[in-house]
Amino acid sequence: MTQAVREAALRPAAAGFYPFLPARMWTAAAHLTELVARDRGICAKAASRANRVLSDAHFMFRGGGEQKTGTSRAPG
């Protein structure tokens, strides 16, 4: 089953970098991008794909169409 909305969840190991976000809580990636960008003082819409606001090292992703090979998923 494919989800239409791209979601992201903060990895527990990265929780210290984002004390304002709960770990492992799946949320619309666009919303998390806005929160993280605001915390960093940047415009989320100005972030390029090469300089993504939500890194694979800190966040897990699911849904939203194409999945990259090797993308981590939370156990479910």
PDB file of N, CA and C in Angstrom:
ATOM      1  N   MET A   1       0.836  -1.185   0.000  1.00  0.00           N
ATOM      2  CA  MET A   1       0.000   0.000   0.000  1.00  0.00           C
ATOM      3  C   MET A   1       0.878   1.243   0.000  1.00  0.00           C
ATOM      4  N   THR A   2       0.617   2.163  -0.908  1.00  0.00           N
ATOM      5  CA  THR A   2       1.398   3.389  -1.023  1.00  0.00           C
ATOM      6  C   THR A   2       0.676   4.539  -0.336  1.00  0.00           C
ATOM      7  N   GLN A   3       1.385   5.263   0.505  1.00  0.00           N
ATOM      8  CA  GLN A   3       0.817   6.434   1.155  1.00  0.00           C
ATOM      9  C   GLN A   3       0.996   7.633   0.252  1.00  0.00           C
ATOM     10  N   ALA A   4      -0.020   8.479   0.170  1.00  0.00           N
ATOM     11  CA  ALA A   4       0.054   9.669  -0.666  1.00  0.00           C
ATOM     12  C   ALA A   4       0.903  10.763  -0.020  1.00  0.00           C
ATOM     13  N   VAL A   5       0.922  10.817   1.294  1.00  0.00           N
ATOM     14  CA  VAL A   5       1.639  11.873   2.008  1.00  0.00           C
ATOM     15  C   VAL A   5       2.975  11.329   2.499  1.00  0.00           C
ATOM     16  N   ARG A   6       4.038  12.037   2.201  1.00  0.00           N
ATOM     17  CA  ARG A   6       5.374  11.665   2.683  1.00  0.00           C
ATOM     18  C   ARG A   6       5.425  11.956   4.170  1.00  0.00           C
ATOM     19  N   GLU A   7       5.851  10.973   4.952  1.00  0.00           N
ATOM     20  CA  GLU A   7       5.957  11.143   6.390  1.00  0.00           C
ATOM     21  C   GLU A   7       7.392  10.944   6.837  1.00  0.00           C
ATOM     22  N   ALA A   8       7.704  11.526   7.975  1.00  0.00           N
ATOM     23  CA  ALA A   8       9.032  11.388   8.559  1.00  0.00           C
ATOM     24  C   ALA A   8       8.889  11.204  10.060  1.00  0.00           C
ATOM     25  N   ALA A   9       9.866  10.534  10.642  1.00  0.00           N
ATOM     26  CA  ALA A   9       9.922  10.349  12.092  1.00  0.00           C
ATOM     27  C   ALA A   9      11.370  10.540  12.533  1.00  0.00           C
ATOM     28  N   LEU A  10      11.546  11.228  13.628  1.00  0.00           N
ATOM     29  CA  LEU A  10      12.886  11.467  14.173  1.00  0.00           C
ATOM     30  C   LEU A  10      13.445  10.179  14.746  1.00  0.00           C
ATOM     31  N   ARG A  11      14.676   9.862  14.380  1.00  0.00           N
ATOM     32  CA  ARG A  11      15.343   8.680  14.934  1.00  0.00           C
ATOM     33  C   ARG A  11      15.683   8.971  16.403  1.00  0.00           C
ATOM     34  N   PRO A  12      15.465   8.013  17.290  1.00  0.00           N
ATOM     35  CA  PRO A  12      15.772   8.231  18.706  1.00  0.00           C
ATOM     36  C   PRO A  12      17.218   8.675  18.959  1.00  0.00           C
ATOM     37  N   ALA A  13      18.162   8.173  18.181  1.00  0.00           N
ATOM     38  CA  ALA A  13      19.571   8.535  18.362  1.00  0.00           C
ATOM     39  C   ALA A  13      19.839  10.006  18.062  1.00  0.00           C
ATOM     40  N   ALA A  14      18.948  10.648  17.305  1.00  0.00           N
ATOM     41  CA  ALA A  14      19.133  12.051  16.934  1.00  0.00           C
ATOM     42  C   ALA A  14      18.268  12.998  17.765  1.00  0.00           C
ATOM     43  N   ALA A  15      17.576  12.478  18.755  1.00  0.00           N
ATOM     44  CA  ALA A  15      16.650  13.291  19.548  1.00  0.00           C
ATOM     45  C   ALA A  15      17.338  14.485  20.219  1.00  0.00           C
ATOM     46  N   GLY A  16      18.588  14.335  20.591  1.00  0.00           N
ATOM     47  CA  GLY A  16      19.307  15.439  21.231  1.00  0.00           C
ATOM     48  C   GLY A  16      19.500  16.650  20.331  1.00  0.00           C
ATOM     49  N   PHE A  17      19.491  16.440  19.009  1.00  0.00           N
ATOM     50  CA  PHE A  17      19.649  17.543  18.064  1.00  0.00           C
ATOM     51  C   PHE A  17      18.351  18.326  17.882  1.00  0.00           C
ATOM     52  N   TYR A  18      17.217  17.685  18.199  1.00  0.00           N
ATOM     53  CA  TYR A  18      15.900  18.289  17.972  1.00  0.00           C
ATOM     54  C   TYR A  18      15.041  18.121  19.226  1.00  0.00           C
ATOM     55  N   PRO A  19      15.365  18.808  20.319  1.00  0.00           N
ATOM     56  CA  PRO A  19      14.628  18.611  21.575  1.00  0.00           C
ATOM     57  C   PRO A  19      13.155  19.021  21.482  1.00  0.00           C
ATOM     58  N   PHE A  20      12.797  19.732  20.452  1.00  0.00           N
ATOM     59  CA  PHE A  20      11.422  20.188  20.268  1.00  0.00           C
ATOM     60  C   PHE A  20      10.567  19.198  19.481  1.00  0.00           C
ATOM     61  N   LEU A  21      11.152  18.048  19.061  1.00  0.00           N
ATOM     62  CA  LEU A  21      10.418  17.032  18.306  1.00  0.00           C
ATOM     63  C   LEU A  21      10.394  15.710  19.073  1.00  0.00           C
ATOM     64  N   PRO A  22       9.242  15.024  19.072  1.00  0.00           N
ATOM     65  CA  PRO A  22       9.206  13.694  19.683  1.00  0.00           C
ATOM     66  C   PRO A  22       9.835  12.661  18.744  1.00  0.00           C
ATOM     67  N   ALA A  23      10.567  11.720  19.300  1.00  0.00           N
ATOM     68  CA  ALA A  23      11.178  10.654  18.491  1.00  0.00           C
ATOM     69  C   ALA A  23      10.134   9.605  18.125  1.00  0.00           C
ATOM     70  N   ARG A  24      10.322   9.005  16.959  1.00  0.00           N
ATOM     71  CA  ARG A  24       9.501   7.900  16.449  1.00  0.00           C
ATOM     72  C   ARG A  24       8.046   8.253  16.171  1.00  0.00           C
ATOM     73  N   MET A  25       7.680   9.504  16.174  1.00  0.00           N
ATOM     74  CA  MET A  25       6.296   9.905  15.898  1.00  0.00           C
ATOM     75  C   MET A  25       6.188  10.283  14.421  1.00  0.00           C
ATOM     76  N   TRP A  26       5.435   9.494  13.633  1.00  0.00           N
ATOM     77  CA  TRP A  26       5.286   9.768  12.203  1.00  0.00           C
ATOM     78  C   TRP A  26       4.435  11.008  11.998  1.00  0.00           C
ATOM     79  N   THR A  27       4.978  11.948  11.232  1.00  0.00           N
ATOM     80  CA  THR A  27       4.341  13.240  10.971  1.00  0.00           C
ATOM     81  C   THR A  27       4.591  13.600   9.519  1.00  0.00           C
ATOM     82  N   ALA A  28       3.728  14.409   8.938  1.00  0.00           N
ATOM     83  CA  ALA A  28       3.940  14.858   7.561  1.00  0.00           C
ATOM     84  C   ALA A  28       5.331  15.475   7.453  1.00  0.00           C
ATOM     85  N   ALA A  29       6.110  14.996   6.497  1.00  0.00           N
ATOM     86  CA  ALA A  29       7.484  15.476   6.319  1.00  0.00           C
ATOM     87  C   ALA A  29       7.520  16.982   6.058  1.00  0.00           C
ATOM     88  N   ALA A  30       6.535  17.488   5.341  1.00  0.00           N
ATOM     89  CA  ALA A  30       6.493  18.930   5.058  1.00  0.00           C
ATOM     90  C   ALA A  30       6.373  19.731   6.351  1.00  0.00           C
ATOM     91  N   HIS A  31       5.593  19.237   7.291  1.00  0.00           N
ATOM     92  CA  HIS A  31       5.431  19.930   8.573  1.00  0.00           C
ATOM     93  C   HIS A  31       6.734  19.893   9.375  1.00  0.00           C
ATOM     94  N   LEU A  32       7.367  18.733   9.429  1.00  0.00           N
ATOM     95  CA  LEU A  32       8.647  18.636  10.140  1.00  0.00           C
ATOM     96  C   LEU A  32       9.708  19.516   9.498  1.00  0.00           C
ATOM     97  N   THR A  33       9.687  19.584   8.161  1.00  0.00           N
ATOM     98  CA  THR A  33      10.636  20.447   7.456  1.00  0.00           C
ATOM     99  C   THR A  33      10.462  21.896   7.885  1.00  0.00           C
ATOM    100  N   GLU A  34       9.225  22.349   7.973  1.00  0.00           N
ATOM    101  CA  GLU A  34       8.964  23.725   8.415  1.00  0.00           C
ATOM    102  C   GLU A  34       9.470  23.965   9.826  1.00  0.00           C
ATOM    103  N   LEU A  35       9.215  23.018  10.740  1.00  0.00           N
ATOM    104  CA  LEU A  35       9.660  23.179  12.127  1.00  0.00           C
ATOM    105  C   LEU A  35      11.178  23.224  12.244  1.00  0.00           C
ATOM    106  N   VAL A  36      11.858  22.302  11.564  1.00  0.00           N
ATOM    107  CA  VAL A  36      13.315  22.249  11.631  1.00  0.00           C
ATOM    108  C   VAL A  36      13.927  23.476  10.952  1.00  0.00           C
ATOM    109  N   ALA A  37      13.388  23.873   9.818  1.00  0.00           N
ATOM    110  CA  ALA A  37      13.904  25.055   9.116  1.00  0.00           C
ATOM    111  C   ALA A  37      13.728  26.303   9.975  1.00  0.00           C
ATOM    112  N   ARG A  38      12.573  26.423  10.598  1.00  0.00           N
ATOM    113  CA  ARG A  38      12.321  27.583  11.471  1.00  0.00           C
ATOM    114  C   ARG A  38      13.320  27.606  12.620  1.00  0.00           C
ATOM    115  N   ASP A  39      13.597  26.440  13.212  1.00  0.00           N
ATOM    116  CA  ASP A  39      14.563  26.358  14.307  1.00  0.00           C
ATOM    117  C   ASP A  39      15.958  26.778  13.843  1.00  0.00           C
ATOM    118  N   ARG A  40      16.287  26.450  12.596  1.00  0.00           N
ATOM    119  CA  ARG A  40      17.606  26.807  12.030  1.00  0.00           C
ATOM    120  C   ARG A  40      17.641  28.214  11.454  1.00  0.00           C
ATOM    121  N   GLY A  41      16.506  28.877  11.411  1.00  0.00           N
ATOM    122  CA  GLY A  41      16.458  30.238  10.887  1.00  0.00           C
ATOM    123  C   GLY A  41      16.539  30.316   9.381  1.00  0.00           C
ATOM    124  N   ILE A  42      16.057  29.277   8.681  1.00  0.00           N
ATOM    125  CA  ILE A  42      16.073  29.295   7.219  1.00  0.00           C
ATOM    126  C   ILE A  42      14.660  29.091   6.681  1.00  0.00           C
ATOM    127  N   CYS A  43      14.455  29.435   5.452  1.00  0.00           N
ATOM    128  CA  CYS A  43      13.178  29.233   4.788  1.00  0.00           C
ATOM    129  C   CYS A  43      13.155  27.816   4.217  1.00  0.00           C
ATOM    130  N   ALA A  44      12.179  27.009   4.627  1.00  0.00           N
ATOM    131  CA  ALA A  44      12.099  25.615   4.170  1.00  0.00           C
ATOM    132  C   ALA A  44      11.956  25.531   2.667  1.00  0.00           C
ATOM    133  N   LYS A  45      11.250  26.466   2.047  1.00  0.00           N
ATOM    134  CA  LYS A  45      11.047  26.434   0.603  1.00  0.00           C
ATOM    135  C   LYS A  45      12.337  26.750  -0.153  1.00  0.00           C
ATOM    136  N   ALA A  46      13.275  27.411   0.505  1.00  0.00           N
ATOM    137  CA  ALA A  46      14.529  27.773  -0.143  1.00  0.00           C
ATOM    138  C   ALA A  46      15.550  26.640  -0.096  1.00  0.00           C
ATOM    139  N   ALA A  47      15.292  25.635   0.719  1.00  0.00           N
ATOM    140  CA  ALA A  47      16.237  24.516   0.837  1.00  0.00           C
ATOM    141  C   ALA A  47      16.234  23.706  -0.450  1.00  0.00           C
ATOM    142  N   SER A  48      17.417  23.445  -0.971  1.00  0.00           N
ATOM    143  CA  SER A  48      17.529  22.663  -2.200  1.00  0.00           C
ATOM    144  C   SER A  48      17.584  21.178  -1.863  1.00  0.00           C
ATOM    145  N   ARG A  49      17.384  20.325  -2.873  1.00  0.00           N
ATOM    146  CA  ARG A  49      17.465  18.883  -2.643  1.00  0.00           C
ATOM    147  C   ARG A  49      18.871  18.482  -2.187  1.00  0.00           C
ATOM    148  N   ALA A  50      19.882  19.199  -2.639  1.00  0.00           N
ATOM    149  CA  ALA A  50      21.257  18.877  -2.257  1.00  0.00           C
ATOM    150  C   ALA A  50      21.515  19.215  -0.795  1.00  0.00           C
ATOM    151  N   ASN A  51      20.736  20.113  -0.238  1.00  0.00           N
ATOM    152  CA  ASN A  51      20.896  20.552   1.147  1.00  0.00           C
ATOM    153  C   ASN A  51      19.571  20.367   1.871  1.00  0.00           C
ATOM    154  N   ARG A  52      19.106  19.123   1.931  1.00  0.00           N
ATOM    155  CA  ARG A  52      17.812  18.834   2.529  1.00  0.00           C
ATOM    156  C   ARG A  52      17.774  19.225   3.995  1.00  0.00           C
ATOM    157  N   VAL A  53      16.623  19.677   4.421  1.00  0.00           N
ATOM    158  CA  VAL A  53      16.442  20.077   5.816  1.00  0.00           C
ATOM    159  C   VAL A  53      16.394  18.845   6.719  1.00  0.00           C
ATOM    160  N   LEU A  54      15.704  17.797   6.290  1.00  0.00           N
ATOM    161  CA  LEU A  54      15.596  16.567   7.069  1.00  0.00           C
ATOM    162  C   LEU A  54      16.578  15.533   6.516  1.00  0.00           C
ATOM    163  N   SER A  55      17.602  15.217   7.269  1.00  0.00           N
ATOM    164  CA  SER A  55      18.620  14.284   6.778  1.00  0.00           C
ATOM    165  C   SER A  55      18.224  12.839   7.045  1.00  0.00           C
ATOM    166  N   ASP A  56      18.682  11.947   6.173  1.00  0.00           N
ATOM    167  CA  ASP A  56      18.445  10.516   6.345  1.00  0.00           C
ATOM    168  C   ASP A  56      19.114  10.001   7.625  1.00  0.00           C
ATOM    169  N   ALA A  57      20.162  10.648   8.052  1.00  0.00           N
ATOM    170  CA  ALA A  57      20.864  10.224   9.259  1.00  0.00           C
ATOM    171  C   ALA A  57      20.034  10.485  10.517  1.00  0.00           C
ATOM    172  N   HIS A  58      19.182  11.494  10.477  1.00  0.00           N
ATOM    173  CA  HIS A  58      18.401  11.872  11.652  1.00  0.00           C
ATOM    174  C   HIS A  58      16.933  11.486  11.581  1.00  0.00           C
ATOM    175  N   PHE A  59      16.425  11.237  10.364  1.00  0.00           N
ATOM    176  CA  PHE A  59      14.998  10.961  10.190  1.00  0.00           C
ATOM    177  C   PHE A  59      14.755   9.700   9.374  1.00  0.00           C
ATOM    178  N   MET A  60      13.653   9.019   9.665  1.00  0.00           N
ATOM    179  CA  MET A  60      13.171   7.880   8.882  1.00  0.00           C
ATOM    180  C   MET A  60      12.037   8.412   8.009  1.00  0.00           C
ATOM    181  N   PHE A  61      11.851   7.818   6.836  1.00  0.00           N
ATOM    182  CA  PHE A  61      10.834   8.297   5.902  1.00  0.00           C
ATOM    183  C   PHE A  61       9.967   7.147   5.414  1.00  0.00           C
ATOM    184  N   ARG A  62       8.714   7.479   5.088  1.00  0.00           N
ATOM    185  CA  ARG A  62       7.813   6.506   4.469  1.00  0.00           C
ATOM    186  C   ARG A  62       6.757   7.252   3.658  1.00  0.00           C
ATOM    187  N   GLY A  63       6.202   6.543   2.662  1.00  0.00           N
ATOM    188  CA  GLY A  63       5.102   7.090   1.868  1.00  0.00           C
ATOM    189  C   GLY A  63       5.541   8.135   0.861  1.00  0.00           C
ATOM    190  N   GLY A  64       4.568   8.723   0.196  1.00  0.00           N
ATOM    191  CA  GLY A  64       4.823   9.816  -0.721  1.00  0.00           C
ATOM    192  C   GLY A  64       5.346   9.439  -2.079  1.00  0.00           C
ATOM    193  N   GLY A  65       5.080   8.216  -2.517  1.00  0.00           N
ATOM    194  CA  GLY A  65       5.514   7.843  -3.862  1.00  0.00           C
ATOM    195  C   GLY A  65       6.782   7.049  -3.851  1.00  0.00           C
ATOM    196  N   GLU A  66       7.777   7.492  -4.656  1.00  0.00           N
ATOM    197  CA  GLU A  66       9.019   6.741  -4.818  1.00  0.00           C
ATOM    198  C   GLU A  66       9.755   6.596  -3.504  1.00  0.00           C
ATOM    199  N   GLN A  67      10.255   5.404  -3.281  1.00  0.00           N
ATOM    200  CA  GLN A  67      11.101   5.118  -2.133  1.00  0.00           C
ATOM    201  C   GLN A  67      12.521   4.925  -2.626  1.00  0.00           C
ATOM    202  N   LYS A  68      13.496   5.514  -1.962  1.00  0.00           N
ATOM    203  CA  LYS A  68      14.886   5.276  -2.315  1.00  0.00           C
ATOM    204  C   LYS A  68      15.291   3.909  -1.796  1.00  0.00           C
ATOM    205  N   THR A  69      16.123   3.216  -2.529  1.00  0.00           N
ATOM    206  CA  THR A  69      16.632   1.926  -2.083  1.00  0.00           C
ATOM    207  C   THR A  69      17.468   2.133  -0.832  1.00  0.00           C
ATOM    208  N   GLY A  70      17.209   1.312   0.157  1.00  0.00           N
ATOM    209  CA  GLY A  70      17.973   1.424   1.406  1.00  0.00           C
ATOM    210  C   GLY A  70      17.384   2.386   2.409  1.00  0.00           C
ATOM    211  N   THR A  71      16.241   2.976   2.110  1.00  0.00           N
ATOM    212  CA  THR A  71      15.624   3.898   3.052  1.00  0.00           C
ATOM    213  C   THR A  71      15.159   3.121   4.273  1.00  0.00           C
ATOM    214  N   SER A  72      15.465   3.609   5.447  1.00  0.00           N
ATOM    215  CA  SER A  72      15.093   2.933   6.674  1.00  0.00           C
ATOM    216  C   SER A  72      13.623   3.128   6.979  1.00  0.00           C
ATOM    217  N   ARG A  73      13.054   2.125   7.592  1.00  0.00           N
ATOM    218  CA  ARG A  73      11.665   2.205   8.034  1.00  0.00           C
ATOM    219  C   ARG A  73      11.621   1.809   9.487  1.00  0.00           C
ATOM    220  N   ALA A  74      10.707   2.406  10.221  1.00  0.00           N
ATOM    221  CA  ALA A  74      10.542   2.051  11.622  1.00  0.00           C
ATOM    222  C   ALA A  74       9.884   0.688  11.717  1.00  0.00           C
ATOM    223  N   PRO A  75      10.277  -0.097  12.691  1.00  0.00           N
ATOM    224  CA  PRO A  75       9.625  -1.396  12.841  1.00  0.00           C
ATOM    225  C   PRO A  75       8.147  -1.181  13.121  1.00  0.00           C
ATOM    226  N   GLY A  76       7.338  -2.000  12.537  1.00  0.00           N
ATOM    227  CA  GLY A  76       5.935  -1.723  12.713  1.00  0.00           C
ATOM    228  C   GLY A  76       5.156  -2.912  12.892  1.00  0.00           C
TER     229      GLY A  76
END
